[in-house]
Amino acid sequence: MTGTTETPPPEEVPLGQRLFDQLFPLLLLGLLVMFVFYTGGSRFEVFSPVEAPLP
């Protein structure tokens, strides 16, 4: 033995941890999803009116 120690290879970071470590892309994704669902749902309701039954 020469007295040198081998360092273990670095562990690979899991995909989920890499995604959740990026704060600003998650913030933008949340805003985008909220915008698409609220705006898209509202436009769908406005542009597809249901015929109201008359009494």
C-alpha atoms as a PDB file:
ATOM      1  CA  MET A   1       0.000   0.000   0.000  1.00  0.00           C
ATOM      2  CA  THR A   2       1.311   3.403  -0.881  1.00  0.00           C
ATOM      3  CA  GLY A   3      -0.851   5.329   1.579  1.00  0.00           C
ATOM      4  CA  THR A   4      -3.091   7.010  -1.002  1.00  0.00           C
ATOM      5  CA  THR A   5      -6.807   6.744  -0.533  1.00  0.00           C
ATOM      6  CA  GLU A   6      -9.186   6.613  -3.430  1.00  0.00           C
ATOM      7  CA  THR A   7     -12.141   8.943  -3.227  1.00  0.00           C
ATOM      8  CA  PRO A   8     -15.454   7.327  -4.081  1.00  0.00           C
ATOM      9  CA  PRO A   9     -17.150   8.580  -7.228  1.00  0.00           C
ATOM     10  CA  PRO A  10     -19.652  11.386  -6.583  1.00  0.00           C
ATOM     11  CA  GLU A  11     -23.233  10.227  -6.191  1.00  0.00           C
ATOM     12  CA  GLU A  12     -25.654  11.144  -8.943  1.00  0.00           C
ATOM     13  CA  VAL A  13     -28.324  13.606  -7.824  1.00  0.00           C
ATOM     14  CA  PRO A  14     -31.843  12.218  -8.418  1.00  0.00           C
ATOM     15  CA  LEU A  15     -33.976  13.862 -11.086  1.00  0.00           C
ATOM     16  CA  GLY A  16     -36.670  14.969  -8.624  1.00  0.00           C
ATOM     17  CA  GLN A  17     -34.140  16.761  -6.450  1.00  0.00           C
ATOM     18  CA  ARG A  18     -32.592  18.485  -9.467  1.00  0.00           C
ATOM     19  CA  LEU A  19     -36.045  19.709 -10.582  1.00  0.00           C
ATOM     20  CA  PHE A  20     -37.121  20.954  -7.148  1.00  0.00           C
ATOM     21  CA  ASP A  21     -33.784  22.708  -6.537  1.00  0.00           C
ATOM     22  CA  GLN A  22     -34.530  25.159  -9.347  1.00  0.00           C
ATOM     23  CA  LEU A  23     -36.793  27.737  -7.703  1.00  0.00           C
ATOM     24  CA  PHE A  24     -37.475  30.275 -10.448  1.00  0.00           C
ATOM     25  CA  PRO A  25     -38.474  27.790 -13.184  1.00  0.00           C
ATOM     26  CA  LEU A  26     -40.930  26.248 -10.699  1.00  0.00           C
ATOM     27  CA  LEU A  27     -42.336  29.695  -9.913  1.00  0.00           C
ATOM     28  CA  LEU A  28     -42.764  30.489 -13.605  1.00  0.00           C
ATOM     29  CA  LEU A  29     -44.348  27.094 -14.238  1.00  0.00           C
ATOM     30  CA  GLY A  30     -46.837  27.679 -11.421  1.00  0.00           C
ATOM     31  CA  LEU A  31     -47.783  31.085 -12.787  1.00  0.00           C
ATOM     32  CA  LEU A  32     -48.111  29.697 -16.300  1.00  0.00           C
ATOM     33  CA  VAL A  33     -50.354  26.819 -15.188  1.00  0.00           C
ATOM     34  CA  MET A  34     -52.555  29.191 -13.174  1.00  0.00           C
ATOM     35  CA  PHE A  35     -52.805  31.621 -16.106  1.00  0.00           C
ATOM     36  CA  VAL A  36     -53.665  28.889 -18.609  1.00  0.00           C
ATOM     37  CA  PHE A  37     -56.338  27.245 -16.451  1.00  0.00           C
ATOM     38  CA  TYR A  38     -58.039  30.397 -15.181  1.00  0.00           C
ATOM     39  CA  THR A  39     -57.903  32.274 -18.486  1.00  0.00           C
ATOM     40  CA  GLY A  40     -58.677  29.229 -20.599  1.00  0.00           C
ATOM     41  CA  GLY A  41     -61.554  28.171 -18.354  1.00  0.00           C
ATOM     42  CA  SER A  42     -63.019  31.664 -18.333  1.00  0.00           C
ATOM     43  CA  ARG A  43     -62.780  31.999 -22.101  1.00  0.00           C
ATOM     44  CA  PHE A  44     -64.398  28.593 -22.508  1.00  0.00           C
ATOM     45  CA  GLU A  45     -67.343  29.662 -20.332  1.00  0.00           C
ATOM     46  CA  VAL A  46     -67.745  33.007 -22.108  1.00  0.00           C
ATOM     47  CA  PHE A  47     -67.545  31.664 -25.651  1.00  0.00           C
ATOM     48  CA  SER A  48     -69.693  28.552 -25.147  1.00  0.00           C
ATOM     49  CA  PRO A  49     -72.909  29.820 -23.580  1.00  0.00           C
ATOM     50  CA  VAL A  50     -75.610  27.328 -22.734  1.00  0.00           C
ATOM     51  CA  GLU A  51     -79.084  28.151 -23.968  1.00  0.00           C
ATOM     52  CA  ALA A  52     -81.144  29.190 -20.980  1.00  0.00           C
ATOM     53  CA  PRO A  53     -84.521  27.517 -20.561  1.00  0.00           C
ATOM     54  CA  LEU A  54     -87.447  29.925 -20.489  1.00  0.00           C
ATOM     55  CA  PRO A  55     -90.032  29.530 -17.749  1.00  0.00           C
END
